[in-house]
Protein backbone atom coordinates (compact mmCIF):
# COMPACT_ATOMS: atom_id res chain seq x y z
CA UNK A 1 1.24 -6.73 -11.96
CA UNK A 2 -2.04 -4.73 -12.06
CA UNK A 3 -3.04 -1.04 -12.06
CA UNK A 4 -3.32 -0.94 -8.32
CA UNK A 5 -0.49 -1.96 -7.17
CA UNK A 6 1.65 0.16 -8.95
CA UNK A 7 -1.01 2.90 -7.74
CA UNK A 8 0.16 1.84 -3.98
CA UNK A 9 3.98 1.28 -5.19
CA UNK A 10 3.57 4.92 -6.27
CA UNK A 11 2.76 6.46 -3.45
CA UNK A 12 4.77 4.39 -1.25
CA UNK A 13 7.83 5.55 -3.11
CA UNK A 14 6.89 8.91 -2.74
CA UNK A 15 6.41 8.87 0.90
CA UNK A 16 9.90 7.48 1.81
CA UNK A 17 13.70 8.01 1.58
CA UNK A 18 14.88 4.77 0.27
CA UNK A 19 12.37 4.10 -3.01
CA UNK A 20 14.68 0.93 -4.06
CA UNK A 21 14.07 -0.89 -1.69
CA UNK A 22 9.83 -0.40 -1.60
CA UNK A 23 8.33 -4.20 -2.43
CA UNK A 24 4.62 -4.33 -2.79
CA UNK A 25 2.80 -7.92 -3.37
CA UNK A 26 -0.56 -8.37 -3.88
CA UNK A 27 -1.86 -12.12 -2.72
CA UNK A 28 -5.59 -12.67 -3.75
CA UNK A 29 -7.75 -14.35 -0.86
CA UNK A 30 -11.26 -15.43 -1.21
CA UNK A 31 -12.29 -12.73 -3.69
CA UNK A 32 -9.89 -9.61 -1.88
CA UNK A 33 -6.46 -8.53 -2.59
CA UNK A 34 -4.24 -7.61 -0.20
CA UNK A 35 -1.38 -5.77 -1.22
CA UNK A 36 1.67 -6.32 1.62
CA UNK A 37 3.81 -3.33 1.72
CA UNK A 38 7.43 -3.50 2.44
CA UNK A 39 10.16 -0.54 2.88
CA UNK A 40 13.59 -0.46 4.60
CA UNK A 41 13.09 -0.12 8.52
CA UNK A 42 13.87 3.44 8.72
CA UNK A 43 11.02 4.17 6.06
CA UNK A 44 8.06 2.50 8.20
CA UNK A 45 7.46 5.46 10.59
CA UNK A 46 6.80 7.39 7.04
CA UNK A 47 4.27 5.08 5.94
CA UNK A 48 2.43 4.29 8.85
CA UNK A 49 2.51 8.36 10.02
CA UNK A 50 1.62 9.97 13.23
CA UNK A 51 -1.44 7.77 14.96
CA UNK A 52 -1.41 5.63 11.47
CA UNK A 53 -3.01 8.59 9.61
CA UNK A 54 -1.08 7.91 6.52
CA UNK A 55 -1.03 4.11 6.57
CA UNK A 56 -5.22 4.66 6.87
CA UNK A 57 -5.34 7.60 4.39
CA UNK A 58 -3.69 4.81 1.64
CA UNK A 59 -5.90 1.98 2.99
CA UNK A 60 -8.71 4.61 2.05
CA UNK A 61 -7.43 5.83 -1.48
CA UNK A 62 -6.85 2.34 -2.57
CA UNK A 63 -10.26 0.89 -1.46
CA UNK A 64 -12.04 3.86 -3.16
CA UNK A 65 -9.95 3.33 -6.09
CA UNK A 66 -10.68 -0.72 -6.28
CA UNK A 67 -14.59 0.06 -5.87
CA UNK A 68 -14.25 2.14 -9.09
CA UNK A 69 -12.61 -1.36 -10.85
CA UNK A 70 -15.54 -3.58 -8.83
CA UNK A 71 -12.70 -5.10 -6.67
CA UNK A 72 -11.98 -5.21 -3.18
CA UNK A 73 -8.57 -4.16 -1.96
CA UNK A 74 -6.81 -3.89 1.28
CA UNK A 75 -3.33 -2.61 2.38
CA UNK A 76 -0.76 -4.10 4.90
CA UNK A 77 2.11 -2.07 5.63
CA UNK A 78 4.53 -5.23 6.92
CA UNK A 79 7.50 -4.74 9.52
């Protein structure tokens, strides 16, 4: 597990009521890493946030952290 994946997992676990059900998988495609996040159904709204604000903030944070280590990364939240 790389450091960005650990960061995604740490942040998402802090947001949800069932942190034991958080799963983050990294998928490499075309020089970019896609972090797929899955959570319990009842926690999905907490990760997405009102009008997607929490999800967008998570995506921006990971994008900035990836740029710091000269990589490209995005976060997808799976339902």
